[in-house]
Protein backbone atom coordinates (compact mmCIF):
# COMPACT_ATOMS: atom_id res chain seq x y z
CA MET A 1 82.45 154.94 100.48
CA ALA A 2 83.71 151.63 101.86
CA GLU A 3 80.66 149.27 103.72
CA PHE A 4 80.27 145.56 104.61
CA THR A 5 76.91 143.71 103.60
CA THR A 6 75.60 142.24 106.87
CA ARG A 7 73.84 138.42 106.60
CA PRO A 8 72.56 136.05 108.82
CA VAL A 9 74.37 133.42 110.70
CA THR A 10 74.18 130.49 109.46
CA TRP A 11 75.49 127.30 110.04
CA ARG A 12 74.89 124.27 107.82
CA GLY A 13 72.73 126.85 105.73
CA GLU A 14 70.40 127.25 108.35
CA PRO A 15 69.68 130.65 109.49
CA PHE A 16 69.73 130.76 113.80
CA PRO A 17 69.22 133.87 115.89
CA CYS A 18 72.34 134.87 116.97
CA ILE A 19 72.94 137.53 119.69
CA GLN A 20 76.61 137.58 119.36
CA VAL A 21 79.82 136.17 117.26
CA ASP A 22 83.30 136.39 119.74
CA THR A 23 85.77 135.47 116.54
CA ASP A 24 89.78 134.37 117.42
CA ILE A 25 92.53 135.02 115.21
CA GLN A 26 95.55 133.21 115.64
CA ASN A 27 98.85 132.87 114.28
CA SER A 28 101.39 129.44 114.71
CA LEU A 29 104.44 130.71 116.63
CA VAL A 30 107.53 129.35 117.82
CA ILE A 31 109.16 131.11 120.82
CA THR A 32 112.32 130.66 121.55
CA THR A 33 114.43 131.67 124.72
CA TYR A 34 118.22 131.63 125.22
CA PRO A 35 119.90 131.66 128.73
CA HIS A 36 121.78 134.49 130.57
CA ARG A 37 120.00 136.88 127.56
CA LYS A 38 116.50 139.39 127.89
CA GLY A 39 113.96 138.52 125.62
CA GLN A 40 112.70 136.04 123.12
CA HIS A 41 112.88 135.32 119.34
CA VAL A 42 109.35 135.02 118.06
CA LEU A 43 109.08 132.99 114.71
CA ASN A 44 105.23 133.07 112.96
CA LEU A 45 104.88 130.04 110.90
CA GLY A 46 101.45 131.28 109.02
CA GLY A 47 98.36 132.31 110.56
CA LEU A 48 95.85 128.95 112.46
CA GLY A 49 92.25 128.70 110.80
CA ASP A 50 90.31 131.07 112.46
CA ALA A 51 87.57 129.95 115.44
CA TRP A 52 83.93 131.70 116.38
CA GLU A 53 82.41 131.37 119.17
CA VAL A 54 78.84 132.17 118.94
CA GLN A 55 76.01 132.75 121.40
CA ALA A 56 72.46 131.88 120.13
CA VAL A 57 68.58 131.53 121.25
CA PHE A 58 66.19 129.97 120.37
CA SER A 59 62.08 131.05 121.34
CA PRO A 60 59.32 131.00 119.72
CA SER A 61 59.24 134.50 119.30
CA PHE A 62 61.80 134.03 116.77
CA ASN A 63 59.26 131.52 114.56
CA GLY A 64 59.33 132.90 110.95
CA ARG A 65 60.46 136.10 111.24
CA GLY A 66 63.04 137.24 108.94
CA PRO A 67 64.88 134.97 107.49
CA TYR A 68 64.48 132.45 110.43
CA ALA A 69 62.23 128.60 109.67
CA ASP A 70 58.19 128.65 110.50
CA ASP A 71 59.46 125.70 113.12
CA LEU A 72 62.11 127.53 114.59
CA TRP A 73 61.59 126.50 118.39
CA PRO A 74 60.95 123.49 118.99
CA PHE A 75 62.65 121.63 115.28
CA GLY A 76 65.10 124.02 114.11
CA TYR A 77 66.32 124.15 117.49
CA LEU A 78 66.80 120.50 117.37
CA ARG A 79 67.44 120.32 113.48
CA PHE A 80 70.91 122.77 114.60
CA LEU A 81 71.98 120.63 117.59
CA ASP A 82 71.93 117.23 114.75
CA ALA A 83 73.77 119.74 112.05
CA CYS A 84 77.04 120.06 115.13
CA ARG A 85 77.10 116.60 115.47
CA ALA A 86 77.47 116.08 111.93
CA LYS A 87 81.28 115.15 111.15
CA GLU A 88 81.92 116.11 107.59
CA ARG A 89 83.10 120.33 107.30
CA GLY A 90 79.86 122.68 106.53
CA TYR A 91 79.60 126.57 105.63
CA PHE A 92 79.40 129.00 108.48
CA ASP A 93 78.20 132.25 107.81
CA HIS A 94 79.76 135.25 109.58
CA PRO A 95 77.34 138.47 109.98
CA ARG A 96 79.98 140.81 108.34
CA LEU A 97 82.78 138.59 106.91
CA GLY A 98 80.80 136.13 104.90
CA THR A 99 81.12 132.26 104.49
CA ALA A 100 84.30 129.72 105.53
CA TRP A 101 84.15 125.92 106.19
CA ALA A 102 84.20 125.41 109.42
CA GLN A 103 83.38 122.25 111.98
CA CYS A 104 81.66 122.46 115.61
CA ALA A 105 83.90 122.11 118.44
CA ASN A 106 81.84 122.02 121.00
CA VAL A 107 78.00 123.06 122.47
CA ARG A 108 76.94 124.53 125.81
CA MET A 109 73.37 124.18 126.09
CA SER A 110 71.05 126.53 129.08
CA ASP A 111 67.66 125.04 128.93
CA ASN A 112 66.11 126.91 132.25
CA ALA A 113 63.28 128.16 130.80
CA ALA A 114 60.45 126.24 129.41
CA GLU A 115 60.28 127.46 126.15
CA PHE A 116 63.49 129.16 125.93
CA SER A 117 67.03 128.07 125.22
CA LYS A 118 70.24 129.53 125.19
CA ILE A 119 72.93 127.92 123.22
CA THR A 120 77.20 128.79 123.20
CA ALA A 121 78.74 126.91 120.12
CA THR A 122 82.15 127.11 119.10
CA PHE A 123 83.11 126.33 115.36
CA VAL A 124 87.30 126.15 114.07
CA GLU A 125 87.93 126.49 110.20
CA ALA A 126 87.96 123.63 108.17
CA ASN A 127 90.41 124.86 105.25
CA LEU A 128 93.63 124.49 103.98
CA ASP A 129 95.49 127.10 100.91
CA ASP A 130 91.75 128.91 99.75
CA PRO A 131 90.58 131.90 101.24
CA THR A 132 89.08 132.08 104.47
CA TYR A 133 85.86 134.14 103.93
CA THR A 134 84.34 134.78 100.76
CA THR A 135 83.01 138.47 101.21
CA ARG A 136 85.20 141.35 100.65
CA LEU A 137 85.16 145.20 101.99
CA THR A 138 83.93 146.66 98.65
CA ILE A 139 82.55 149.89 97.50
CA GLY A 140 78.66 149.56 97.69
CA GLY A 141 78.82 145.95 99.56
CA GLY A 142 78.37 142.81 97.37
CA GLY A 143 80.10 139.29 98.33
CA ALA A 144 80.30 135.73 96.82
CA GLY A 145 77.11 134.35 96.97
CA GLU A 146 74.18 134.33 94.53
CA GLN A 147 71.80 137.41 95.69
CA ASP A 148 74.92 139.21 96.89
CA GLY A 149 76.79 138.62 93.22
CA LEU A 150 72.72 140.08 91.78
CA ILE A 151 73.06 143.33 94.21
CA ARG A 152 76.01 144.27 92.97
CA ALA A 153 75.44 143.32 88.95
CA ARG A 154 72.04 145.98 89.04
CA ASN A 155 74.32 148.36 90.62
CA LEU A 156 76.87 147.93 88.18
CA ASP A 157 74.02 148.83 85.84
CA VAL A 158 72.69 151.93 87.41
CA LEU A 159 76.20 153.13 87.51
CA MET A 160 76.79 152.23 84.04
CA SER A 161 73.45 154.45 83.34
CA SER A 162 74.45 157.47 85.31
CA THR A 163 77.73 157.18 83.64
CA PHE A 164 77.36 157.04 80.27
CA SER A 165 73.36 158.73 80.30
CA LEU A 166 71.94 155.68 78.50
CA SER A 167 69.45 153.31 79.76
CA ILE A 168 70.51 149.97 79.94
CA SER A 169 70.65 146.47 82.16
CA VAL A 170 73.66 144.03 80.85
CA PHE A 171 75.54 143.10 84.53
CA GLU A 172 72.07 142.41 85.65
CA GLY A 173 71.44 139.51 82.05
CA PHE A 174 75.01 138.58 83.15
CA TRP A 175 74.79 137.11 86.41
CA VAL A 176 71.66 135.83 85.89
CA ASP A 177 72.45 133.79 83.10
CA PHE A 178 75.45 132.40 85.17
CA SER A 179 73.54 131.68 88.78
CA THR A 180 70.55 129.94 87.13
CA THR A 181 73.17 127.72 85.15
CA LEU A 182 75.06 126.74 88.48
CA TYR A 183 71.86 126.92 90.84
CA SER A 184 68.52 126.61 88.90
CA THR A 185 69.08 123.59 86.33
CA ASN A 186 67.48 120.41 87.19
CA ARG A 187 70.13 118.21 85.74
CA VAL A 188 73.47 117.73 87.26
CA LEU A 189 75.95 120.25 86.19
CA SER A 190 79.65 118.35 85.50
CA MET A 191 82.76 121.43 85.61
CA THR A 192 82.99 121.38 82.11
CA ASP A 193 79.32 122.84 82.24
CA VAL A 194 80.04 125.16 84.89
CA VAL A 195 83.90 126.01 83.43
CA VAL A 196 81.63 127.21 80.54
CA ALA A 197 79.26 129.39 82.03
CA LEU A 198 82.12 130.75 83.37
CA ASN A 199 83.81 131.88 80.75
CA LEU A 200 80.76 132.85 79.07
CA PHE A 201 80.22 135.12 82.18
CA HIS A 202 83.79 136.71 81.15
CA ALA A 203 83.73 136.98 77.96
CA SER A 204 80.56 138.83 78.09
CA ILE A 205 81.49 141.43 80.43
CA THR A 206 85.04 141.76 78.00
CA ALA A 207 83.08 142.35 75.05
CA THR A 208 81.04 145.47 77.76
CA VAL A 209 83.99 146.70 78.76
CA GLU A 210 85.22 146.88 75.17
CA THR A 211 82.31 148.90 73.44
CA TYR A 212 82.14 151.27 76.11
CA GLY A 213 86.11 152.08 76.49
CA ILE A 214 85.51 151.23 80.53
CA MET A 215 88.83 150.97 80.91
CA ASP A 216 90.75 153.14 79.14
CA SER A 217 90.15 155.83 81.58
CA ALA A 218 90.91 157.00 85.21
CA LEU A 219 88.00 158.47 85.95
CA TYR A 220 86.15 155.55 85.39
CA TRP A 221 87.90 153.64 88.40
CA GLU A 222 84.98 152.69 90.05
CA LEU A 223 83.17 151.03 87.67
CA GLN A 224 86.37 148.94 86.77
CA TYR A 225 86.81 147.99 90.74
CA GLU A 226 83.18 146.94 90.55
CA ILE A 227 83.72 144.71 87.24
CA SER A 228 86.73 142.76 89.10
CA MET A 229 85.01 142.36 91.89
CA LEU A 230 82.05 141.06 89.91
CA ARG A 231 84.58 139.20 88.61
CA ILE A 232 86.24 137.41 91.11
CA ASP A 233 82.45 136.64 92.60
CA ALA A 234 81.62 134.34 89.88
CA VAL A 235 85.13 132.36 90.31
CA MET A 236 84.06 131.91 94.14
CA MET A 237 80.64 130.71 92.99
CA ALA A 238 82.78 128.25 90.63
CA HIS A 239 85.24 127.77 93.45
CA ARG A 240 82.12 126.29 95.66
CA PHE A 241 80.84 124.10 93.14
CA ALA A 242 83.75 122.71 92.78
CA GLN A 243 84.42 122.42 96.42
CA SER A 244 80.95 120.29 96.61
CA GLN A 245 82.62 117.71 94.31
CA ASP A 246 85.90 116.99 96.06
CA LYS A 247 87.80 119.64 93.48
CA ARG A 248 89.10 122.81 94.06
CA ILE A 249 89.80 125.89 91.33
CA VAL A 250 93.27 126.78 92.37
CA SER A 251 95.64 129.65 91.17
CA TYR A 252 98.92 128.16 89.60
CA GLU A 253 101.93 130.03 89.44
CA LEU A 254 103.79 128.83 85.80
CA ARG A 255 107.02 130.19 85.44
CA ALA A 256 107.87 129.37 82.00
CA THR A 257 106.19 129.27 79.04
CA MET A 258 104.56 126.44 77.58
CA SER A 259 101.75 125.23 75.69
CA SER A 260 97.98 124.42 77.22
CA LEU A 261 98.89 120.63 76.18
CA GLU A 262 101.74 121.33 77.62
CA LEU A 263 100.97 122.11 81.35
CA ALA A 264 98.22 119.67 81.09
CA VAL A 265 100.76 116.83 81.24
CA LEU A 266 102.77 118.53 83.94
CA LEU A 267 99.62 118.81 86.18
CA TYR A 268 97.41 116.07 85.59
CA GLY A 269 99.22 113.61 83.44
CA ASP A 270 96.49 113.79 81.40
CA PRO A 271 96.92 115.47 77.31
CA GLY A 272 93.30 115.16 77.56
CA ARG A 273 91.84 117.77 79.82
CA ALA A 274 94.53 120.55 78.08
CA THR A 275 90.95 122.33 76.67
CA GLU A 276 90.34 122.65 80.28
CA ILE A 277 92.41 124.78 81.57
CA GLU A 278 91.60 126.86 77.94
CA ARG A 279 88.41 127.19 79.25
CA LEU A 280 89.16 128.04 82.89
CA ASN A 281 91.49 131.19 82.14
CA HIS A 282 89.61 131.95 78.49
CA ILE A 283 93.28 131.02 76.38
CA TYR A 284 92.72 131.89 72.63
CA ASP A 285 96.17 130.87 71.38
CA PRO A 286 96.41 127.08 73.20
CA LEU A 287 100.41 127.18 71.78
CA PHE A 288 101.60 129.95 73.75
CA MET A 289 100.93 130.43 78.02
CA PRO A 290 103.50 133.26 79.07
CA PRO A 291 104.72 133.00 82.55
CA GLY A 292 101.93 134.41 85.25
CA THR A 293 99.56 132.73 87.35
CA TYR A 294 96.25 130.59 85.83
CA LEU A 295 93.37 128.44 87.16
CA VAL A 296 93.88 124.92 87.44
CA MET A 297 91.25 122.67 88.56
CA SER A 298 93.57 120.30 92.14
CA GLU A 299 93.46 117.06 92.76
């Protein structure tokens, strides 16, 4: 059965007590009318950014409960207001759909009670080209966060054990190694470190798939699906790190066969970045890249 993962609503990484989120999804439409003619012609130019109106409550009764800070009232309340005034875009966590880049458009406060404040805030998506949300509707839940991926990996190990009647735990280890590289190391990472970690993660999964022949039978469709989603989760986490470095991992459609060296010169004007393309896409033969979709770093 398909299900959503529900998460705390956060703004710039700070959870706050949210009682309602209203989402506004819009398309950019060009409407043309003609004289002496009934009706109108509507041309859809594509989707506009989503917008979210959030109703939040700050009071001492939430202090230290669940994901909320011990000092939610009054200091968390003041931190939330400061975060809404910040000029740089930040992450907004929708309770169902996941994380999206956003800017705070406006905040309205109702402070009638001595130790109670109701806030209505509007956040507007601040993003181009990338997926709006990190969470997808999946079998067994999950998303693109560190803990969401860990839950999916553990569920995969259980599914593998029941399918092959073996006591194994492989996917959790792959995910822990990958997420540790991204989030638990004390040194500053470069994009090369992240690309290597991502490729090692994919190579480990590929070896497991080949060992058990998971992709050879339609009987294992659920395993195949969840493995593909775990791979996507890892790419999304690497993508988020790239965004924090003012770069993004994006898709590039290669229309003709060429080498990784030629592609590096075409995209970056730098033949030294051919290795980056090879690692990002797990390419074994750098002289032969057939037409298709590849991952590259945006500039």
